[in-house]
Protein backbone atom coordinates (compact mmCIF):
# COMPACT_ATOMS: atom_id res chain seq x y z
CA MET A 1 56.62 218.53 47.17
CA HIS A 2 55.29 221.93 48.20
CA GLY A 3 58.60 223.71 47.09
CA GLU A 4 60.76 221.01 48.73
CA GLN A 5 62.90 218.34 47.39
CA ARG A 6 61.74 214.97 48.77
CA GLY A 7 62.30 211.34 47.94
CA PRO A 8 63.22 208.76 46.83
CA TYR A 9 59.83 207.49 45.72
CA THR A 10 58.96 204.51 43.69
CA ILE A 11 56.94 205.04 40.47
CA ARG A 12 54.01 203.37 42.10
CA HIS A 13 54.19 205.79 44.99
CA ILE A 14 54.41 208.87 42.55
CA ASP A 15 51.41 207.60 40.69
CA HIS A 16 49.46 207.37 43.92
CA LEU A 17 50.58 210.89 45.01
CA LEU A 18 49.64 212.49 41.64
CA ASN A 19 46.38 210.82 41.03
CA SER A 20 45.11 211.26 44.70
CA GLY A 21 45.96 214.99 44.42
CA LEU A 22 48.66 215.10 46.96
CA ILE A 23 50.99 216.49 44.38
CA ARG A 24 50.14 218.75 41.38
CA GLU A 25 50.70 217.77 37.72
CA GLU A 26 53.41 220.53 37.58
CA ALA A 27 55.52 218.62 40.10
CA MET A 28 58.89 217.73 38.81
CA TYR A 29 61.12 214.67 39.36
CA TRP A 30 64.71 213.80 38.74
CA ARG A 31 66.67 210.48 38.96
CA GLU A 32 70.18 209.56 38.44
CA GLY A 33 71.29 209.88 34.94
CA MET A 34 68.99 212.59 34.02
CA GLU A 35 70.38 216.04 32.93
CA GLN A 36 67.46 218.10 34.23
CA TRP A 37 64.14 217.81 36.11
CA ALA A 38 61.10 216.59 34.23
CA PRO A 39 57.41 216.77 34.95
CA VAL A 40 55.95 213.73 36.81
CA THR A 41 53.37 213.34 34.04
CA ASP A 42 56.23 212.20 31.76
CA LEU A 43 56.77 209.32 34.37
CA VAL A 44 53.20 208.40 35.32
CA ARG A 45 49.82 209.07 33.64
CA LEU A 46 47.53 211.49 35.23
CA ARG A 47 44.04 209.81 35.53
CA ARG A 48 41.17 212.27 35.50
CA PRO A 49 39.11 211.87 38.64
CA GLU A 50 35.71 210.15 37.79
CA ARG A 51 32.95 212.74 37.84
CA ARG A 52 30.54 211.28 40.27
CA TRP A 53 27.94 213.93 39.77
CA ARG A 54 27.87 213.08 35.98
CA ARG A 55 27.36 209.43 36.76
CA MET A 56 24.69 210.25 39.25
CA ALA A 57 22.99 212.67 36.83
CA VAL A 58 22.88 209.97 34.14
CA GLY A 59 21.62 207.37 36.57
CA GLY A 60 18.90 209.70 37.86
CA ALA A 61 17.83 210.57 34.33
CA VAL A 62 17.62 206.99 33.43
CA ALA A 63 15.65 206.22 36.50
CA LEU A 64 13.32 209.10 35.82
CA VAL A 65 12.65 207.89 32.28
CA VAL A 66 12.04 204.32 33.41
CA GLY A 67 9.73 205.66 36.22
CA VAL A 68 7.71 207.73 33.74
CA LEU A 69 7.46 204.72 31.30
CA LEU A 70 6.20 202.49 34.09
CA LEU A 71 3.64 204.94 35.15
CA LEU A 72 2.42 205.39 31.62
CA PHE A 73 2.67 201.74 30.39
CA GLY A 74 2.96 199.56 33.52
CA PRO A 75 -0.65 199.19 34.34
CA ALA A 76 -1.55 198.30 30.66
CA VAL A 77 1.26 195.82 30.46
CA VAL A 78 0.21 194.19 33.69
CA ASP A 79 -3.55 194.07 32.76
CA GLY A 80 -2.59 192.66 29.27
CA TRP A 81 -0.66 189.87 30.98
CA ARG A 82 -3.43 189.03 33.35
CA GLU A 83 -5.94 188.96 30.44
CA ILE A 84 -3.86 186.55 28.32
CA TYR A 85 -2.34 184.26 31.03
CA GLN A 86 -5.28 182.69 32.87
CA HIS A 87 -5.00 178.89 33.49
CA GLU A 88 -7.37 178.31 36.29
CA PHE A 89 -11.08 177.69 36.52
CA THR A 90 -11.90 180.51 38.95
CA PRO A 91 -14.17 183.57 38.71
CA ARG A 92 -11.09 185.82 38.67
CA ALA A 93 -9.49 183.97 35.89
CA ALA A 94 -12.92 184.10 33.88
CA TYR A 95 -12.97 187.79 34.45
CA TRP A 96 -9.47 188.51 33.23
CA ARG A 97 -9.84 186.20 30.17
CA SER A 98 -13.25 187.69 29.23
CA ARG A 99 -11.61 191.17 29.07
CA ASP A 100 -9.09 189.81 26.53
CA VAL A 101 -12.02 188.32 24.54
CA VAL A 102 -13.84 191.73 24.55
CA ARG A 103 -10.64 193.44 23.40
CA THR A 104 -10.00 191.05 20.59
CA GLN A 105 -13.50 190.11 19.46
CA GLY A 106 -15.97 192.57 20.89
CA LEU A 107 -14.70 195.99 19.95
CA PRO A 108 -14.79 197.96 16.75
CA ARG A 109 -11.65 198.74 15.13
CA HIS A 110 -9.67 201.62 16.88
CA ALA A 111 -11.99 201.58 19.88
CA VAL A 112 -10.53 202.00 23.36
CA VAL A 113 -12.22 200.44 26.38
CA THR A 114 -11.77 201.10 30.11
CA PHE A 115 -13.33 198.21 32.17
CA LYS A 116 -15.04 198.94 35.38
CA PRO A 117 -13.69 197.26 38.61
CA ARG A 118 -14.00 193.49 39.01
CA ALA A 119 -16.46 194.05 41.82
CA GLN A 120 -18.91 195.48 39.34
CA THR A 121 -18.65 192.43 37.13
CA GLU A 122 -20.83 189.47 37.25
CA VAL A 123 -19.22 185.93 36.80
CA ARG A 124 -21.17 182.78 36.81
CA LEU A 125 -19.36 179.47 36.64
CA GLY A 126 -20.92 176.31 35.36
CA GLU A 127 -19.87 172.81 34.21
CA GLY A 128 -16.52 173.96 32.51
CA GLU A 129 -18.00 177.15 31.39
CA ALA A 130 -18.34 180.62 32.52
CA THR A 131 -20.65 183.65 31.62
CA VAL A 132 -19.19 186.99 32.39
CA ILE A 133 -21.05 190.40 32.16
CA LEU A 134 -18.44 193.03 31.82
CA GLN A 135 -19.15 196.81 32.14
CA ALA A 136 -16.95 199.42 30.72
CA MET A 137 -16.54 202.87 29.09
CA ARG A 138 -15.96 202.66 25.35
CA SER A 139 -14.55 205.47 23.30
CA GLY A 140 -14.10 205.71 19.57
CA SER A 141 -15.26 208.07 16.76
CA GLY A 142 -14.93 211.02 19.28
CA GLU A 143 -17.51 209.76 21.73
CA VAL A 144 -17.39 208.09 25.16
CA VAL A 145 -20.28 205.72 25.98
CA ASP A 146 -21.20 203.20 28.72
CA ALA A 147 -20.99 199.73 27.25
CA ALA A 148 -21.49 196.15 28.37
CA TRP A 149 -20.71 192.63 27.07
CA ARG A 150 -21.77 189.19 27.77
CA VAL A 151 -18.86 186.74 27.33
CA ARG A 152 -19.32 183.05 27.37
CA LEU A 153 -16.14 181.01 27.91
CA ARG A 154 -15.29 177.32 28.00
CA PHE A 155 -12.40 175.95 30.16
CA ASP A 156 -10.50 172.94 28.95
CA ALA A 157 -9.25 171.35 32.13
CA GLU A 158 -6.77 169.16 30.29
CA SER A 159 -4.99 172.09 28.50
CA ARG A 160 -5.95 174.50 31.27
CA GLU A 161 -7.00 177.08 28.62
CA TRP A 162 -10.09 179.34 28.20
CA SER A 163 -11.74 179.67 24.86
CA ALA A 164 -14.43 182.07 23.82
CA LEU A 165 -17.89 180.67 22.91
CA GLU A 166 -19.64 184.04 22.57
CA CYS A 167 -18.97 187.76 22.90
CA ARG A 168 -21.91 190.02 22.51
CA GLU A 169 -22.30 193.66 23.26
CA LEU A 170 -25.50 194.31 25.39
CA GLU A 171 -27.93 197.13 25.78
CA LEU A 172 -27.51 198.81 29.20
CA GLU A 173 -31.13 198.08 30.24
CA VAL A 174 -30.49 194.43 29.59
CA VAL A 175 -27.37 194.61 31.86
CA GLN A 176 -29.42 196.27 34.69
CA GLU A 177 -32.08 193.46 34.49
CA GLU A 178 -29.64 190.62 34.35
CA THR A 179 -27.47 191.90 37.31
CA SER A 180 -30.51 192.58 39.45
CA ALA A 181 -32.03 189.20 38.55
CA ALA A 182 -28.79 187.38 39.69
CA LYS A 183 -29.03 188.92 43.08
C-alpha cells in the first residue's frame, strides 16, 4: 500500500480497500504458494462507483417531464373527473354534471369549450331536478364566441346519479334576461 508491503489481509478486507478507493486497482498481492505478485483485481472484482450525478440527472429529468405533463393535462383531468363523478344533490354537483352534459351533448363536433367560473353560473334546484345556466367561450371552425347553455338535470336519489333531461344552447340576450330575472 503506497509503495509499502503490508498485510496480511482477508479477501473481504482487500475488497473493501479496493472498492472504497483506499488502494488503487494497480495494487499487487501475494500469498504463500504464489510464484509472483498479482494484481488485486485478480482476487476481487472492482465495482465501479455508482454515478450519483447520473441518477440525479435522470430523476430530475423524469420529475421535469411529470411536472410539465401535470401542468398541461392536470387541470383537464381533474375537471373531467369532477364532471363525471357527481353523486350528491347539491348546486355544486349539478354545476359539474351539467358541464359534462354540455361537452357530450351540447357541442358541435370538434368544438372546444372553456367554461366561465362557477360564480358566474346560475343553478336552481327543485324537486329532484336542477336547471343550470352555463356560460363559456366556445371555439371551433377558427372562431371564438361567447356561448351559453340551459341544462336540465334529474337526480335519482336511489342510485345517486344525475341524468340529462335537456341541453339547449341559448342566445346571449336570453341568458342576460334569465340571470337578471333570477336576482
